[in-house]
Each structure stands twice: as structure tokens, then as C-alpha cells.
């Protein structure tokens, strides 16, 4: 499991997280892959790239699990 630490703000969006973790090349790729159902948030498929993620949330994408932390 990989960990993403929020350094500023209270949340990060799903699309921003995938870009920050270098799992997608850009925002367009993030949008397409998220909307096609490739991302899970807290165990459930989520198709919203603007989904707000807070400390304690987990994301699964391409076999990688990411925990959002503070």
C-alpha cells in the first residue's frame, strides 16, 4: 500500500491524486480512466474525477492501493 500525505488543504480530488502518484500522465487520461470505472474509493467504484478524498480514504487503481493521510 502506498500513502499520500496531504500537505495543504483538507482534501485532494481523485483526479489530482492519480496525477500526483504518477498513475496517469495528465488530467485528460485521469478523466477517461476514472469515468470508465477503473478507480475504486473505499472499495466502491467511483466515476467522479472531482470526488473529494480526505485522510482515511483509500483508492484502488491498476492494482495499486493508496491511503490518503495527513
N, C-alpha and C. Protein backbone atom coordinates (compact mmCIF):
# COMPACT_ATOMS: atom_id res chain seq x y z
N UNK A 1 0.85 -1.18 0.00
CA UNK A 1 0.00 0.00 0.00
C UNK A 1 0.89 1.24 0.00
N UNK A 2 0.53 2.18 -0.86
CA UNK A 2 1.24 3.46 -0.91
C UNK A 2 0.44 4.48 -0.10
N UNK A 3 1.13 5.49 0.42
CA UNK A 3 0.48 6.52 1.23
C UNK A 3 0.69 7.87 0.56
N UNK A 4 -0.38 8.66 0.49
CA UNK A 4 -0.29 10.03 0.01
C UNK A 4 -0.58 10.94 1.19
N UNK A 5 0.37 11.80 1.54
CA UNK A 5 0.19 12.72 2.65
C UNK A 5 -0.28 14.08 2.15
N UNK A 6 -1.43 14.52 2.65
CA UNK A 6 -1.91 15.85 2.31
C UNK A 6 -1.00 16.87 2.97
N UNK A 7 -0.45 17.78 2.19
CA UNK A 7 0.44 18.79 2.76
C UNK A 7 -0.25 20.14 2.90
N UNK A 8 -1.26 20.37 2.08
CA UNK A 8 -2.04 21.61 2.23
C UNK A 8 -3.48 21.32 1.86
N UNK A 9 -4.37 22.02 2.48
CA UNK A 9 -5.79 21.80 2.23
C UNK A 9 -6.32 20.61 3.01
N UNK A 10 -7.65 20.48 2.96
CA UNK A 10 -8.32 19.43 3.71
C UNK A 10 -8.57 18.18 2.88
N UNK A 11 -8.46 18.30 1.56
CA UNK A 11 -8.77 17.17 0.69
C UNK A 11 -7.98 17.27 -0.61
N UNK A 12 -8.02 16.19 -1.39
CA UNK A 12 -7.48 16.16 -2.75
C UNK A 12 -8.54 15.45 -3.59
N UNK A 13 -8.67 15.84 -4.86
CA UNK A 13 -9.65 15.16 -5.71
C UNK A 13 -9.04 13.87 -6.25
N UNK A 14 -9.91 12.99 -6.68
CA UNK A 14 -9.47 11.70 -7.21
C UNK A 14 -8.55 11.87 -8.40
N UNK A 15 -8.90 12.75 -9.32
CA UNK A 15 -8.05 13.00 -10.49
C UNK A 15 -6.69 13.55 -10.10
N UNK A 16 -6.67 14.49 -9.16
CA UNK A 16 -5.40 15.06 -8.70
C UNK A 16 -4.53 14.01 -8.03
N UNK A 17 -5.15 13.11 -7.27
CA UNK A 17 -4.39 12.06 -6.59
C UNK A 17 -3.71 11.14 -7.60
N UNK A 18 -4.45 10.73 -8.61
CA UNK A 18 -3.86 9.83 -9.61
C UNK A 18 -2.70 10.50 -10.33
N UNK A 19 -2.83 11.80 -10.60
CA UNK A 19 -1.72 12.53 -11.23
C UNK A 19 -0.55 12.66 -10.27
N UNK A 20 -0.82 12.99 -9.01
CA UNK A 20 0.24 13.19 -8.02
C UNK A 20 1.02 11.90 -7.77
N UNK A 21 0.37 10.76 -7.89
CA UNK A 21 1.01 9.47 -7.66
C UNK A 21 1.61 8.91 -8.95
N UNK A 22 1.58 9.69 -10.03
CA UNK A 22 2.12 9.31 -11.34
C UNK A 22 1.48 8.03 -11.91
N UNK A 23 0.20 7.85 -11.63
CA UNK A 23 -0.52 6.69 -12.16
C UNK A 23 -1.18 7.00 -13.50
N UNK A 24 -1.30 8.29 -13.82
CA UNK A 24 -1.80 8.74 -15.12
C UNK A 24 -0.88 9.86 -15.59
N UNK A 25 -0.88 10.09 -16.90
CA UNK A 25 0.02 11.10 -17.46
C UNK A 25 -0.48 12.51 -17.33
N UNK A 26 -1.82 12.70 -17.41
CA UNK A 26 -2.37 14.05 -17.33
C UNK A 26 -3.84 13.99 -16.92
N UNK A 27 -4.45 15.16 -16.82
CA UNK A 27 -5.84 15.23 -16.38
C UNK A 27 -6.82 14.58 -17.33
N UNK A 28 -6.54 14.65 -18.63
CA UNK A 28 -7.42 14.03 -19.61
C UNK A 28 -7.43 12.52 -19.43
N UNK A 29 -6.25 11.94 -19.27
CA UNK A 29 -6.17 10.50 -19.05
C UNK A 29 -6.88 10.12 -17.75
N UNK A 30 -6.68 10.91 -16.70
CA UNK A 30 -7.36 10.64 -15.42
C UNK A 30 -8.87 10.64 -15.62
N UNK A 31 -9.39 11.64 -16.33
CA UNK A 31 -10.83 11.75 -16.56
C UNK A 31 -11.37 10.51 -17.27
N UNK A 32 -10.71 10.11 -18.36
CA UNK A 32 -11.16 8.97 -19.15
C UNK A 32 -11.13 7.69 -18.33
N UNK A 33 -10.05 7.45 -17.63
CA UNK A 33 -9.89 6.20 -16.88
C UNK A 33 -10.85 6.14 -15.69
N UNK A 34 -11.04 7.28 -15.01
CA UNK A 34 -11.98 7.31 -13.88
C UNK A 34 -13.40 7.09 -14.37
N UNK A 35 -13.79 7.80 -15.44
CA UNK A 35 -15.15 7.68 -15.96
C UNK A 35 -15.44 6.30 -16.53
N UNK A 36 -14.41 5.56 -16.90
CA UNK A 36 -14.63 4.21 -17.40
C UNK A 36 -14.69 3.18 -16.27
N UNK A 37 -14.62 3.65 -15.03
CA UNK A 37 -14.82 2.76 -13.88
C UNK A 37 -13.58 2.06 -13.38
N UNK A 38 -12.41 2.59 -13.67
CA UNK A 38 -11.16 1.92 -13.27
C UNK A 38 -10.72 2.24 -11.84
N UNK A 39 -11.37 3.19 -11.19
CA UNK A 39 -10.94 3.59 -9.83
C UNK A 39 -11.99 3.19 -8.80
N UNK A 40 -11.51 2.74 -7.66
CA UNK A 40 -12.39 2.43 -6.53
C UNK A 40 -11.99 3.31 -5.36
N UNK A 41 -12.99 3.86 -4.68
CA UNK A 41 -12.76 4.66 -3.48
C UNK A 41 -13.45 3.94 -2.33
N UNK A 42 -12.68 3.62 -1.32
CA UNK A 42 -13.19 2.90 -0.16
C UNK A 42 -13.95 1.63 -0.57
N UNK A 43 -13.42 0.93 -1.59
CA UNK A 43 -13.97 -0.35 -2.02
C UNK A 43 -15.08 -0.28 -3.03
N UNK A 44 -15.54 0.93 -3.40
CA UNK A 44 -16.64 1.06 -4.35
C UNK A 44 -16.19 1.85 -5.57
N UNK A 45 -16.59 1.39 -6.76
CA UNK A 45 -16.25 2.09 -7.99
C UNK A 45 -16.81 3.51 -7.94
N UNK A 46 -15.98 4.48 -8.30
CA UNK A 46 -16.41 5.88 -8.34
C UNK A 46 -15.98 6.46 -9.68
N UNK A 47 -16.90 7.07 -10.39
CA UNK A 47 -16.61 7.60 -11.73
C UNK A 47 -16.49 9.12 -11.74
N UNK A 48 -16.34 9.74 -10.57
CA UNK A 48 -16.24 11.20 -10.49
C UNK A 48 -14.79 11.61 -10.25
N UNK A 49 -14.17 12.26 -11.23
CA UNK A 49 -12.78 12.67 -11.04
C UNK A 49 -12.66 13.76 -9.99
N UNK A 50 -13.74 14.48 -9.73
CA UNK A 50 -13.74 15.53 -8.71
C UNK A 50 -14.09 15.03 -7.32
N UNK A 51 -14.22 13.72 -7.16
CA UNK A 51 -14.52 13.13 -5.85
C UNK A 51 -13.49 13.60 -4.84
N UNK A 52 -13.94 14.19 -3.74
CA UNK A 52 -13.03 14.69 -2.71
C UNK A 52 -12.59 13.54 -1.82
N UNK A 53 -11.28 13.45 -1.62
CA UNK A 53 -10.70 12.42 -0.78
C UNK A 53 -10.11 13.06 0.47
N UNK A 54 -10.43 12.50 1.60
CA UNK A 54 -9.99 13.02 2.89
C UNK A 54 -9.09 12.00 3.58
N UNK A 55 -8.33 12.43 4.59
CA UNK A 55 -7.50 11.46 5.33
C UNK A 55 -8.34 10.27 5.79
N UNK A 56 -7.81 9.08 5.58
CA UNK A 56 -8.52 7.85 5.93
C UNK A 56 -9.13 7.16 4.74
N UNK A 57 -9.35 7.89 3.63
CA UNK A 57 -9.89 7.27 2.42
C UNK A 57 -8.83 6.41 1.75
N UNK A 58 -9.27 5.36 1.06
CA UNK A 58 -8.37 4.53 0.28
C UNK A 58 -8.84 4.48 -1.16
N UNK A 59 -7.89 4.43 -2.07
CA UNK A 59 -8.18 4.38 -3.50
C UNK A 59 -7.47 3.17 -4.08
N UNK A 60 -8.16 2.43 -4.95
CA UNK A 60 -7.56 1.32 -5.69
C UNK A 60 -7.59 1.69 -7.16
N UNK A 61 -6.43 1.57 -7.81
CA UNK A 61 -6.32 1.89 -9.23
C UNK A 61 -5.19 1.06 -9.83
N UNK A 62 -5.48 0.29 -10.85
CA UNK A 62 -4.49 -0.53 -11.54
C UNK A 62 -3.72 -1.44 -10.59
N UNK A 63 -4.39 -2.02 -9.64
CA UNK A 63 -3.73 -2.92 -8.71
C UNK A 63 -2.93 -2.22 -7.62
N UNK A 64 -2.96 -0.89 -7.60
CA UNK A 64 -2.27 -0.13 -6.57
C UNK A 64 -3.28 0.40 -5.56
N UNK A 65 -2.99 0.23 -4.29
CA UNK A 65 -3.86 0.76 -3.23
C UNK A 65 -3.15 1.97 -2.60
N UNK A 66 -3.90 3.05 -2.47
CA UNK A 66 -3.34 4.30 -1.93
C UNK A 66 -4.20 4.73 -0.75
N UNK A 67 -3.54 5.05 0.35
CA UNK A 67 -4.24 5.57 1.52
C UNK A 67 -3.93 7.06 1.63
N UNK A 68 -4.98 7.86 1.81
CA UNK A 68 -4.80 9.30 2.00
C UNK A 68 -4.59 9.55 3.49
N UNK A 69 -3.53 10.28 3.80
CA UNK A 69 -3.19 10.57 5.19
C UNK A 69 -2.89 12.06 5.35
N UNK A 70 -2.77 12.50 6.58
CA UNK A 70 -2.43 13.88 6.84
C UNK A 70 -0.96 13.97 7.19
